Amino acid sequence: MEETASRVRRPRADARRNRERLLAAADEVFGAGGADAPLEHVARRAGVGVGTLYGHFPTRRALIAALLAERNEDLFERGDRLLDGPVTADIVAEWVRAVVQHAATYQGLAAVLVESLNDDGSELHASCLRMNGIGEELVDRACRSAALGPDATAADVFTLINAAAWTREYAGPDQAERLITLVLNGLRASNDST
């Protein structure tokens, strides 16, 4: 009995296959129709019933969290690398561009991420907090080193990220890049040339 209790039960092979098919289908469906595309389309594309989808992912945010898990880790590693050295205005700009690109993975994803930041019950909440925390630390260090002006705040940068992600979705990447450049130039310290 003790041996059975100590063994970790692995999902059955068919359950693992269904999960992988659901994730692949969700990536396609959300890529084509946005983060708010009908979940029934995901189940149909994966060749499973909607009950199977909800068995693996009880909420839309749980499905999105699973889809973003690997991308989130890549983004967090990048943020940690940026925090390893001196933080200049260009380092903050690199973080902003990386998060904007991440938030634009699926149309409507930026809104889901913003909502999840303030919803501690969301499956995306912890990753949103971490993303926000990296941004706060970068901005704080950039302000302390005078790379950004003394009035620049993490809230300014967070607002820029959301606005640029929305702009990228609806007006295209060139317009989003223009917005990022204009705002970051305004946040730079007057003596910063980086």
N, C-alpha and C. Protein backbone atom coordinates (compact mmCIF):
# COMPACT_ATOMS: atom_id res chain seq x y z
N MET A 1 0.83 -1.18 0.00
CA MET A 1 0.00 0.00 0.00
C MET A 1 0.88 1.25 0.00
N GLU A 2 1.94 1.26 0.83
CA GLU A 2 2.82 2.41 0.90
C GLU A 2 3.51 2.66 -0.43
N GLU A 3 3.89 1.59 -1.12
CA GLU A 3 4.54 1.72 -2.42
C GLU A 3 3.61 2.40 -3.42
N THR A 4 2.34 2.04 -3.43
CA THR A 4 1.37 2.64 -4.34
C THR A 4 1.18 4.12 -4.03
N ALA A 5 1.10 4.47 -2.78
CA ALA A 5 0.90 5.87 -2.38
C ALA A 5 2.10 6.73 -2.74
N SER A 6 3.30 6.16 -2.71
CA SER A 6 4.49 6.97 -2.97
C SER A 6 4.75 7.15 -4.46
N ARG A 7 4.15 6.32 -5.30
CA ARG A 7 4.34 6.47 -6.74
C ARG A 7 3.50 7.63 -7.27
N VAL A 8 4.12 8.43 -8.14
CA VAL A 8 3.38 9.51 -8.78
C VAL A 8 2.72 8.94 -10.02
N ARG A 9 1.46 9.21 -10.12
CA ARG A 9 0.69 8.68 -11.23
C ARG A 9 0.87 9.56 -12.46
N ARG A 10 1.30 8.96 -13.56
CA ARG A 10 1.46 9.68 -14.81
C ARG A 10 0.17 9.62 -15.60
N PRO A 11 -0.14 10.69 -16.33
CA PRO A 11 -1.35 10.65 -17.15
C PRO A 11 -1.23 9.54 -18.20
N ARG A 12 -2.36 9.00 -18.54
CA ARG A 12 -2.38 7.97 -19.57
C ARG A 12 -1.88 8.56 -20.89
N ALA A 13 -1.38 7.69 -21.75
CA ALA A 13 -0.83 8.14 -23.03
C ALA A 13 -1.89 8.86 -23.86
N ASP A 14 -3.12 8.36 -23.87
CA ASP A 14 -4.16 9.02 -24.66
C ASP A 14 -4.50 10.40 -24.08
N ALA A 15 -4.44 10.54 -22.77
CA ALA A 15 -4.71 11.84 -22.14
C ALA A 15 -3.60 12.83 -22.50
N ARG A 16 -2.34 12.36 -22.51
CA ARG A 16 -1.23 13.23 -22.90
C ARG A 16 -1.36 13.65 -24.36
N ARG A 17 -1.75 12.71 -25.21
CA ARG A 17 -1.93 13.03 -26.64
C ARG A 17 -3.06 14.05 -26.81
N ASN A 18 -4.17 13.85 -26.10
CA ASN A 18 -5.28 14.80 -26.19
C ASN A 18 -4.85 16.19 -25.75
N ARG A 19 -4.09 16.26 -24.68
CA ARG A 19 -3.63 17.56 -24.19
C ARG A 19 -2.76 18.24 -25.23
N GLU A 20 -1.84 17.51 -25.82
CA GLU A 20 -0.96 18.08 -26.84
C GLU A 20 -1.75 18.51 -28.07
N ARG A 21 -2.74 17.71 -28.47
CA ARG A 21 -3.59 18.08 -29.62
C ARG A 21 -4.39 19.34 -29.30
N LEU A 22 -4.89 19.44 -28.08
CA LEU A 22 -5.65 20.62 -27.68
C LEU A 22 -4.77 21.88 -27.70
N LEU A 23 -3.55 21.75 -27.22
CA LEU A 23 -2.65 22.91 -27.22
C LEU A 23 -2.31 23.33 -28.65
N ALA A 24 -2.04 22.37 -29.51
CA ALA A 24 -1.72 22.69 -30.91
C ALA A 24 -2.94 23.33 -31.59
N ALA A 25 -4.11 22.78 -31.34
CA ALA A 25 -5.33 23.33 -31.93
C ALA A 25 -5.60 24.73 -31.41
N ALA A 26 -5.44 24.94 -30.11
CA ALA A 26 -5.67 26.27 -29.53
C ALA A 26 -4.72 27.29 -30.12
N ASP A 27 -3.47 26.92 -30.33
CA ASP A 27 -2.51 27.83 -30.93
C ASP A 27 -2.99 28.25 -32.32
N GLU A 28 -3.47 27.30 -33.10
CA GLU A 28 -3.98 27.61 -34.44
C GLU A 28 -5.24 28.46 -34.38
N VAL A 29 -6.19 28.06 -33.55
CA VAL A 29 -7.48 28.76 -33.46
C VAL A 29 -7.28 30.17 -32.92
N PHE A 30 -6.51 30.32 -31.85
CA PHE A 30 -6.26 31.65 -31.29
C PHE A 30 -5.42 32.49 -32.25
N GLY A 31 -4.50 31.86 -32.96
CA GLY A 31 -3.70 32.58 -33.94
C GLY A 31 -4.56 33.16 -35.05
N ALA A 32 -5.59 32.44 -35.45
CA ALA A 32 -6.47 32.90 -36.52
C ALA A 32 -7.59 33.79 -36.01
N GLY A 33 -8.15 33.48 -34.84
CA GLY A 33 -9.35 34.17 -34.37
C GLY A 33 -9.18 34.98 -33.11
N GLY A 34 -8.00 35.01 -32.54
CA GLY A 34 -7.77 35.77 -31.33
C GLY A 34 -7.99 34.95 -30.07
N ALA A 35 -7.59 35.51 -28.95
CA ALA A 35 -7.65 34.82 -27.66
C ALA A 35 -9.07 34.56 -27.20
N ASP A 36 -10.04 35.24 -27.81
CA ASP A 36 -11.43 35.02 -27.42
C ASP A 36 -12.19 34.15 -28.42
N ALA A 37 -11.47 33.45 -29.30
CA ALA A 37 -12.12 32.54 -30.26
C ALA A 37 -12.87 31.45 -29.49
N PRO A 38 -13.97 30.95 -30.04
CA PRO A 38 -14.77 29.94 -29.33
C PRO A 38 -13.97 28.68 -28.99
N LEU A 39 -14.07 28.25 -27.75
CA LEU A 39 -13.34 27.06 -27.33
C LEU A 39 -13.87 25.80 -28.02
N GLU A 40 -15.11 25.84 -28.47
CA GLU A 40 -15.66 24.71 -29.22
C GLU A 40 -14.86 24.49 -30.50
N HIS A 41 -14.36 25.58 -31.10
CA HIS A 41 -13.53 25.45 -32.30
C HIS A 41 -12.21 24.75 -31.97
N VAL A 42 -11.69 25.03 -30.79
CA VAL A 42 -10.45 24.38 -30.37
C VAL A 42 -10.68 22.87 -30.24
N ALA A 43 -11.74 22.50 -29.54
CA ALA A 43 -12.05 21.07 -29.35
C ALA A 43 -12.26 20.39 -30.70
N ARG A 44 -13.02 21.03 -31.57
CA ARG A 44 -13.29 20.45 -32.90
C ARG A 44 -11.99 20.28 -33.68
N ARG A 45 -11.14 21.30 -33.67
CA ARG A 45 -9.87 21.23 -34.41
C ARG A 45 -8.98 20.12 -33.85
N ALA A 46 -9.05 19.90 -32.53
CA ALA A 46 -8.24 18.85 -31.90
C ALA A 46 -8.85 17.46 -32.08
N GLY A 47 -10.11 17.40 -32.54
CA GLY A 47 -10.76 16.12 -32.74
C GLY A 47 -11.24 15.48 -31.45
N VAL A 48 -11.57 16.32 -30.47
CA VAL A 48 -12.08 15.82 -29.18
C VAL A 48 -13.36 16.56 -28.84
N GLY A 49 -14.07 16.05 -27.86
CA GLY A 49 -15.26 16.73 -27.38
C GLY A 49 -14.90 17.90 -26.48
N VAL A 50 -15.86 18.81 -26.34
CA VAL A 50 -15.61 19.98 -25.51
C VAL A 50 -15.42 19.58 -24.04
N GLY A 51 -16.02 18.47 -23.63
CA GLY A 51 -15.81 17.96 -22.27
C GLY A 51 -14.37 17.58 -22.04
N THR A 52 -13.73 17.02 -23.06
CA THR A 52 -12.31 16.67 -22.94
C THR A 52 -11.47 17.94 -22.79
N LEU A 53 -11.82 18.96 -23.56
CA LEU A 53 -11.11 20.23 -23.45
C LEU A 53 -11.22 20.77 -22.03
N TYR A 54 -12.45 20.82 -21.50
CA TYR A 54 -12.63 21.35 -20.15
C TYR A 54 -12.04 20.44 -19.07
N GLY A 55 -11.91 19.16 -19.38
CA GLY A 55 -11.26 18.25 -18.44
C GLY A 55 -9.78 18.58 -18.28
N HIS A 56 -9.17 19.01 -19.36
CA HIS A 56 -7.75 19.38 -19.32
C HIS A 56 -7.56 20.84 -18.90
N PHE A 57 -8.43 21.70 -19.40
CA PHE A 57 -8.30 23.15 -19.17
C PHE A 57 -9.67 23.69 -18.75
N PRO A 58 -9.91 23.80 -17.45
CA PRO A 58 -11.25 24.16 -16.97
C PRO A 58 -11.69 25.57 -17.34
N THR A 59 -10.75 26.44 -17.69
CA THR A 59 -11.09 27.81 -18.08
C THR A 59 -10.28 28.22 -19.30
N ARG A 60 -10.75 29.25 -19.96
CA ARG A 60 -10.00 29.81 -21.10
C ARG A 60 -8.60 30.25 -20.64
N ARG A 61 -8.55 30.89 -19.48
CA ARG A 61 -7.25 31.37 -18.99
C ARG A 61 -6.31 30.21 -18.66
N ALA A 62 -6.85 29.08 -18.22
CA ALA A 62 -6.00 27.90 -17.98
C ALA A 62 -5.39 27.42 -19.30
N LEU A 63 -6.19 27.43 -20.34
CA LEU A 63 -5.69 27.03 -21.67
C LEU A 63 -4.63 28.02 -22.16
N ILE A 64 -4.91 29.31 -22.02
CA ILE A 64 -3.94 30.32 -22.44
C ILE A 64 -2.66 30.21 -21.62
N ALA A 65 -2.79 29.98 -20.31
CA ALA A 65 -1.61 29.83 -19.46
C ALA A 65 -0.75 28.66 -19.92
N ALA A 66 -1.38 27.55 -20.27
CA ALA A 66 -0.63 26.39 -20.76
C ALA A 66 0.05 26.71 -22.09
N LEU A 67 -0.65 27.43 -22.95
CA LEU A 67 -0.07 27.81 -24.25
C LEU A 67 1.14 28.73 -24.07
N LEU A 68 1.07 29.61 -23.09
CA LEU A 68 2.12 30.62 -22.90
C LEU A 68 3.24 30.16 -21.97
N ALA A 69 3.12 28.99 -21.37
CA ALA A 69 4.08 28.58 -20.35
C ALA A 69 5.52 28.66 -20.83
N GLU A 70 5.80 28.09 -21.98
CA GLU A 70 7.17 28.09 -22.49
C GLU A 70 7.59 29.50 -22.90
N ARG A 71 6.71 30.23 -23.54
CA ARG A 71 7.02 31.61 -23.94
C ARG A 71 7.26 32.48 -22.70
N ASN A 72 6.45 32.27 -21.65
CA ASN A 72 6.65 33.02 -20.41
C ASN A 72 8.04 32.77 -19.85
N GLU A 73 8.44 31.50 -19.79
CA GLU A 73 9.77 31.19 -19.24
C GLU A 73 10.87 31.85 -20.04
N ASP A 74 10.74 31.84 -21.38
CA ASP A 74 11.74 32.52 -22.22
C ASP A 74 11.78 34.01 -21.90
N LEU A 75 10.61 34.61 -21.73
CA LEU A 75 10.53 36.03 -21.43
C LEU A 75 11.15 36.33 -20.06
N PHE A 76 10.85 35.49 -19.06
CA PHE A 76 11.40 35.70 -17.72
C PHE A 76 12.92 35.55 -17.72
N GLU A 77 13.43 34.58 -18.47
CA GLU A 77 14.89 34.41 -18.57
C GLU A 77 15.52 35.65 -19.18
N ARG A 78 14.87 36.18 -20.20
CA ARG A 78 15.38 37.41 -20.83
C ARG A 78 15.37 38.55 -19.82
N GLY A 79 14.29 38.69 -19.08
CA GLY A 79 14.21 39.74 -18.06
C GLY A 79 15.29 39.59 -17.01
N ASP A 80 15.53 38.36 -16.57
CA ASP A 80 16.58 38.11 -15.58
C ASP A 80 17.94 38.50 -16.13
N ARG A 81 18.19 38.18 -17.41
CA ARG A 81 19.47 38.57 -18.04
C ARG A 81 19.61 40.10 -18.09
N LEU A 82 18.51 40.78 -18.41
CA LEU A 82 18.55 42.24 -18.46
C LEU A 82 18.83 42.84 -17.09
N LEU A 83 18.36 42.18 -16.04
CA LEU A 83 18.59 42.67 -14.68
C LEU A 83 19.99 42.35 -14.17
N ASP A 84 20.73 41.50 -14.89
CA ASP A 84 22.06 41.10 -14.45
C ASP A 84 23.09 42.22 -14.54
N GLY A 85 22.88 43.18 -15.42
CA GLY A 85 23.87 44.23 -15.61
C GLY A 85 23.29 45.60 -15.32
N PRO A 86 24.03 46.62 -15.71
CA PRO A 86 23.52 47.98 -15.55
C PRO A 86 22.25 48.16 -16.39
N VAL A 87 21.30 48.91 -15.86
CA VAL A 87 20.04 49.11 -16.56
C VAL A 87 20.02 50.51 -17.17
N THR A 88 20.08 50.54 -18.48
CA THR A 88 20.02 51.80 -19.23
C THR A 88 18.61 51.97 -19.80
N ALA A 89 18.38 53.09 -20.42
CA ALA A 89 17.10 53.31 -21.11
C ALA A 89 16.92 52.29 -22.22
N ASP A 90 18.01 51.92 -22.88
CA ASP A 90 17.90 50.92 -23.95
C ASP A 90 17.53 49.54 -23.41
N ILE A 91 17.97 49.21 -22.22
CA ILE A 91 17.60 47.94 -21.59
C ILE A 91 16.09 47.95 -21.29
N VAL A 92 15.59 49.05 -20.77
CA VAL A 92 14.15 49.17 -20.52
C VAL A 92 13.40 49.04 -21.84
N ALA A 93 13.90 49.69 -22.89
CA ALA A 93 13.27 49.61 -24.21
C ALA A 93 13.24 48.17 -24.73
N GLU A 94 14.33 47.45 -24.50
CA GLU A 94 14.38 46.04 -24.94
C GLU A 94 13.30 45.23 -24.22
N TRP A 95 13.12 45.46 -22.92
CA TRP A 95 12.09 44.75 -22.16
C TRP A 95 10.70 45.12 -22.68
N VAL A 96 10.46 46.40 -22.89
CA VAL A 96 9.16 46.84 -23.40
C VAL A 96 8.86 46.14 -24.72
N ARG A 97 9.80 46.13 -25.63
CA ARG A 97 9.57 45.50 -26.94
C ARG A 97 9.32 44.00 -26.81
N ALA A 98 10.04 43.35 -25.91
CA ALA A 98 9.85 41.90 -25.72
C ALA A 98 8.47 41.61 -25.15
N VAL A 99 8.02 42.39 -24.19
CA VAL A 99 6.70 42.15 -23.59
C VAL A 99 5.59 42.49 -24.58
N VAL A 100 5.77 43.55 -25.36
CA VAL A 100 4.76 43.90 -26.37
C VAL A 100 4.63 42.77 -27.39
N GLN A 101 5.75 42.25 -27.84
CA GLN A 101 5.69 41.14 -28.80
C GLN A 101 5.01 39.93 -28.17
N HIS A 102 5.31 39.66 -26.92
CA HIS A 102 4.70 38.54 -26.19
C HIS A 102 3.19 38.75 -26.06
N ALA A 103 2.79 39.96 -25.68
CA ALA A 103 1.37 40.25 -25.48
C ALA A 103 0.59 40.25 -26.79
N ALA A 104 1.28 40.35 -27.89
CA ALA A 104 0.62 40.35 -29.20
C ALA A 104 0.63 38.96 -29.85
N THR A 105 0.96 37.93 -29.07
CA THR A 105 0.98 36.57 -29.60
C THR A 105 -0.36 36.22 -30.26
N TYR A 106 -1.44 36.57 -29.59
CA TYR A 106 -2.79 36.37 -30.11
C TYR A 106 -3.54 37.69 -29.96
N GLN A 107 -4.36 38.02 -30.95
CA GLN A 107 -5.18 39.22 -30.83
C GLN A 107 -6.04 39.10 -29.57
N GLY A 108 -6.08 40.15 -28.80
CA GLY A 108 -6.86 40.16 -27.58
C GLY A 108 -6.12 39.66 -26.35
N LEU A 109 -4.92 39.12 -26.54
CA LEU A 109 -4.17 38.59 -25.40
C LEU A 109 -3.76 39.68 -24.43
N ALA A 110 -3.41 40.86 -24.93
CA ALA A 110 -2.99 41.94 -24.03
C ALA A 110 -4.07 42.24 -23.01
N ALA A 111 -5.32 42.28 -23.45
CA ALA A 111 -6.42 42.54 -22.52
C ALA A 111 -6.56 41.43 -21.49
N VAL A 112 -6.38 40.19 -21.90
CA VAL A 112 -6.46 39.06 -20.97
C VAL A 112 -5.35 39.17 -19.93
N LEU A 113 -4.15 39.57 -20.35
CA LEU A 113 -3.03 39.69 -19.42
C LEU A 113 -3.28 40.82 -18.41
N VAL A 114 -3.80 41.95 -18.88
CA VAL A 114 -4.09 43.06 -17.97
C VAL A 114 -5.13 42.64 -16.94
N GLU A 115 -6.19 41.98 -17.40
CA GLU A 115 -7.23 41.52 -16.47
C GLU A 115 -6.66 40.52 -15.47
N SER A 116 -5.77 39.64 -15.92
CA SER A 116 -5.22 38.61 -15.06
C SER A 116 -4.28 39.16 -14.01
N LEU A 117 -3.63 40.28 -14.31
CA LEU A 117 -2.74 40.90 -13.34
C LEU A 117 -3.50 41.28 -12.07
N ASN A 118 -4.74 41.68 -12.24
CA ASN A 118 -5.55 42.13 -11.11
C ASN A 118 -6.50 41.06 -10.58
N ASP A 119 -6.38 39.84 -11.07
CA ASP A 119 -7.27 38.75 -10.67
C ASP A 119 -6.43 37.61 -10.10
N ASP A 120 -6.30 37.58 -8.77
CA ASP A 120 -5.43 36.56 -8.17
C ASP A 120 -5.98 35.14 -8.32
N GLY A 121 -7.19 34.99 -8.82
CA GLY A 121 -7.74 33.67 -9.11
C GLY A 121 -7.42 33.18 -10.51
N SER A 122 -6.85 34.04 -11.34
CA SER A 122 -6.53 33.68 -12.72
C SER A 122 -5.30 32.79 -12.78
N GLU A 123 -5.34 31.84 -13.68
CA GLU A 123 -4.19 30.96 -13.90
C GLU A 123 -3.00 31.74 -14.48
N LEU A 124 -3.25 32.93 -14.98
CA LEU A 124 -2.20 33.77 -15.54
C LEU A 124 -1.65 34.79 -14.53
N HIS A 125 -2.27 34.86 -13.37
CA HIS A 125 -1.93 35.91 -12.40
C HIS A 125 -0.45 35.89 -12.00
N ALA A 126 0.06 34.74 -11.64
CA ALA A 126 1.45 34.66 -11.17
C ALA A 126 2.44 35.08 -12.26
N SER A 127 2.21 34.66 -13.48
CA SER A 127 3.13 35.04 -14.56
C SER A 127 3.01 36.53 -14.87
N CYS A 128 1.80 37.08 -14.78
CA CYS A 128 1.63 38.52 -15.00
C CYS A 128 2.32 39.31 -13.90
N LEU A 129 2.23 38.85 -12.66
CA LEU A 129 2.93 39.52 -11.56
C LEU A 129 4.44 39.50 -11.78
N ARG A 130 4.95 38.36 -12.23
CA ARG A 130 6.40 38.26 -12.46
C ARG A 130 6.83 39.19 -13.59
N MET A 131 6.05 39.21 -14.67
CA MET A 131 6.35 40.09 -15.79
C MET A 131 6.36 41.55 -15.32
N ASN A 132 5.35 41.90 -14.55
CA ASN A 132 5.24 43.26 -14.03
C ASN A 132 6.39 43.57 -13.07
N GLY A 133 6.76 42.59 -12.24
CA GLY A 133 7.85 42.78 -11.28
C GLY A 133 9.18 43.04 -11.97
N ILE A 134 9.45 42.33 -13.04
CA ILE A 134 10.69 42.56 -13.79
C ILE A 134 10.68 43.98 -14.34
N GLY A 135 9.56 44.38 -14.91
CA GLY A 135 9.46 45.74 -15.44
C GLY A 135 9.65 46.79 -14.37
N GLU A 136 9.04 46.58 -13.19
CA GLU A 136 9.19 47.54 -12.09
C GLU A 136 10.66 47.66 -11.67
N GLU A 137 11.32 46.53 -11.56
CA GLU A 137 12.74 46.55 -11.14
C GLU A 137 13.60 47.26 -12.19
N LEU A 138 13.35 46.99 -13.46
CA LEU A 138 14.12 47.65 -14.52
C LEU A 138 13.92 49.17 -14.47
N VAL A 139 12.67 49.60 -14.36
CA VAL A 139 12.39 51.04 -14.34
C VAL A 139 13.00 51.67 -13.09
N ASP A 140 12.86 51.03 -11.95
CA ASP A 140 13.42 51.57 -10.71
C ASP A 140 14.93 51.75 -10.84
N ARG A 141 15.60 50.73 -11.34
CA ARG A 141 17.06 50.83 -11.48
C ARG A 141 17.45 51.87 -12.52
N ALA A 142 16.68 51.96 -13.61
CA ALA A 142 16.98 52.97 -14.64
C ALA A 142 16.80 54.38 -14.09
N CYS A 143 15.81 54.58 -13.24
CA CYS A 143 15.59 55.90 -12.63
C CYS A 143 16.71 56.22 -11.64
N ARG A 144 17.10 55.23 -10.84
CA ARG A 144 18.16 55.46 -9.86
C ARG A 144 19.49 55.78 -10.53
N SER A 145 19.72 55.21 -11.72
CA SER A 145 20.98 55.49 -12.42
C SER A 145 20.86 56.70 -13.34
N ALA A 146 19.71 57.35 -13.31
CA ALA A 146 19.44 58.54 -14.12
C ALA A 146 19.38 58.25 -15.62
N ALA A 147 19.13 56.99 -15.98
CA ALA A 147 18.94 56.66 -17.40
C ALA A 147 17.55 57.08 -17.85
N LEU A 148 16.60 57.05 -16.93
CA LEU A 148 15.26 57.57 -17.18
C LEU A 148 15.08 58.79 -16.29
N GLY A 149 14.22 59.67 -16.71
CA GLY A 149 13.96 60.88 -15.93
C GLY A 149 13.39 60.54 -14.57
N PRO A 150 13.52 61.43 -13.62
CA PRO A 150 13.08 61.17 -12.25
C PRO A 150 11.57 60.99 -12.11
N ASP A 151 10.81 61.47 -13.08
CA ASP A 151 9.35 61.34 -13.02
C ASP A 151 8.85 60.04 -13.67
N ALA A 152 9.72 59.29 -14.31
CA ALA A 152 9.31 58.05 -14.96
C ALA A 152 8.91 57.03 -13.90
N THR A 153 7.85 56.29 -14.16
CA THR A 153 7.39 55.27 -13.22
C THR A 153 7.17 53.95 -13.94
N ALA A 154 7.12 52.91 -13.15
CA ALA A 154 6.79 51.59 -13.71
C ALA A 154 5.39 51.61 -14.30
N ALA A 155 4.48 52.37 -13.69
CA ALA A 155 3.12 52.47 -14.22
C ALA A 155 3.13 53.08 -15.63
N ASP A 156 4.03 54.05 -15.86
CA ASP A 156 4.16 54.63 -17.21
C ASP A 156 4.56 53.56 -18.21
N VAL A 157 5.53 52.76 -17.84
CA VAL A 157 6.04 51.73 -18.74
C VAL A 157 4.99 50.64 -18.94
N PHE A 158 4.27 50.28 -17.89
CA PHE A 158 3.21 49.28 -18.01
C PHE A 158 2.11 49.79 -18.94
N THR A 159 1.76 51.06 -18.82
CA THR A 159 0.76 51.66 -19.70
C THR A 159 1.25 51.67 -21.14
N LEU A 160 2.52 51.99 -21.33
CA LEU A 160 3.11 51.96 -22.68
C LEU A 160 3.01 50.56 -23.27
N ILE A 161 3.36 49.55 -22.48
CA ILE A 161 3.31 48.18 -22.98
C ILE A 161 1.90 47.82 -23.44
N ASN A 162 0.91 48.16 -22.62
CA ASN A 162 -0.47 47.85 -22.98
C ASN A 162 -0.91 48.60 -24.23
N ALA A 163 -0.58 49.88 -24.29
CA ALA A 163 -0.96 50.69 -25.45
C ALA A 163 -0.26 50.20 -26.71
N ALA A 164 1.01 49.86 -26.60
CA ALA A 164 1.75 49.39 -27.77
C ALA A 164 1.26 48.02 -28.22
N ALA A 165 0.89 47.15 -27.28
CA ALA A 165 0.36 45.84 -27.66
C ALA A 165 -0.97 46.01 -28.40
N TRP A 166 -1.82 46.88 -27.87
CA TRP A 166 -3.10 47.15 -28.54
C TRP A 166 -2.84 47.75 -29.92
N THR A 167 -1.92 48.71 -30.00
CA THR A 167 -1.59 49.35 -31.27
C THR A 167 -1.06 48.33 -32.26
N ARG A 168 -0.24 47.43 -31.79
CA ARG A 168 0.32 46.39 -32.68
C ARG A 168 -0.80 45.52 -33.25
N GLU A 169 -1.79 45.19 -32.43
CA GLU A 169 -2.92 44.38 -32.88
C GLU A 169 -3.75 45.09 -33.94
N TYR A 170 -4.02 46.38 -33.72
CA TYR A 170 -5.00 47.07 -34.54
C TYR A 170 -4.42 48.03 -35.58
N ALA A 171 -3.18 48.48 -35.39
CA ALA A 171 -2.59 49.42 -36.34
C ALA A 171 -1.29 48.89 -36.95
N GLY A 172 -0.80 47.76 -36.44
CA GLY A 172 0.38 47.14 -37.01
C GLY A 172 1.65 47.38 -36.21
N PRO A 173 2.66 46.54 -36.48
CA PRO A 173 3.91 46.63 -35.71
C PRO A 173 4.68 47.92 -35.92
N ASP A 174 4.60 48.51 -37.12
CA ASP A 174 5.33 49.77 -37.35
C ASP A 174 4.79 50.89 -36.48
N GLN A 175 3.47 50.98 -36.38
CA GLN A 175 2.88 52.03 -35.56
C GLN A 175 3.17 51.78 -34.07
N ALA A 176 3.17 50.51 -33.66
CA ALA A 176 3.50 50.18 -32.27
C ALA A 176 4.94 50.59 -31.97
N GLU A 177 5.84 50.30 -32.89
CA GLU A 177 7.24 50.68 -32.69
C GLU A 177 7.39 52.20 -32.59
N ARG A 178 6.66 52.91 -33.41
CA ARG A 178 6.70 54.39 -33.36
C ARG A 178 6.24 54.88 -31.99
N LEU A 179 5.16 54.30 -31.48
CA LEU A 179 4.65 54.68 -30.16
C LEU A 179 5.69 54.40 -29.08
N ILE A 180 6.29 53.21 -29.11
CA ILE A 180 7.31 52.84 -28.13
C ILE A 180 8.46 53.84 -28.15
N THR A 181 8.95 54.14 -29.34
CA THR A 181 10.09 55.07 -29.47
C THR A 181 9.74 56.45 -28.95
N LEU A 182 8.58 56.96 -29.33
CA LEU A 182 8.18 58.30 -28.87
C LEU A 182 8.07 58.38 -27.35
N VAL A 183 7.39 57.40 -26.77
CA VAL A 183 7.19 57.44 -25.31
C VAL A 183 8.51 57.24 -24.57
N LEU A 184 9.30 56.28 -25.00
CA LEU A 184 10.57 56.05 -24.29
C LEU A 184 11.51 57.24 -24.44
N ASN A 185 11.48 57.90 -25.59
CA ASN A 185 12.30 59.11 -25.73
C ASN A 185 11.84 60.17 -24.73
N GLY A 186 10.56 60.25 -24.50
CA GLY A 186 10.03 61.20 -23.52
C GLY A 186 10.38 60.85 -22.08
N LEU A 187 10.55 59.55 -21.81
CA LEU A 187 10.87 59.11 -20.45
C LEU A 187 12.37 59.16 -20.14
N ARG A 188 13.18 59.21 -21.18
CA ARG A 188 14.63 59.23 -20.96
C ARG A 188 15.04 60.48 -20.19
N ALA A 189 16.09 60.32 -19.41
CA ALA A 189 16.67 61.49 -18.74
C ALA A 189 17.26 62.39 -19.82
N SER A 190 17.24 63.67 -19.61
CA SER A 190 17.69 64.61 -20.64
C SER A 190 19.15 64.43 -21.00
N ASN A 191 19.97 63.88 -20.10
CA ASN A 191 21.38 63.69 -20.39
C ASN A 191 21.72 62.28 -20.84
N ASP A 192 20.70 61.39 -21.01
CA ASP A 192 20.96 60.00 -21.37
C ASP A 192 21.07 59.88 -22.87
N SER A 193 22.17 59.32 -23.33
CA SER A 193 22.36 59.13 -24.77
C SER A 193 22.25 57.67 -25.17
N THR A 194 21.91 56.78 -24.23
CA THR A 194 21.82 55.35 -24.55
C THR A 194 20.45 54.97 -25.01
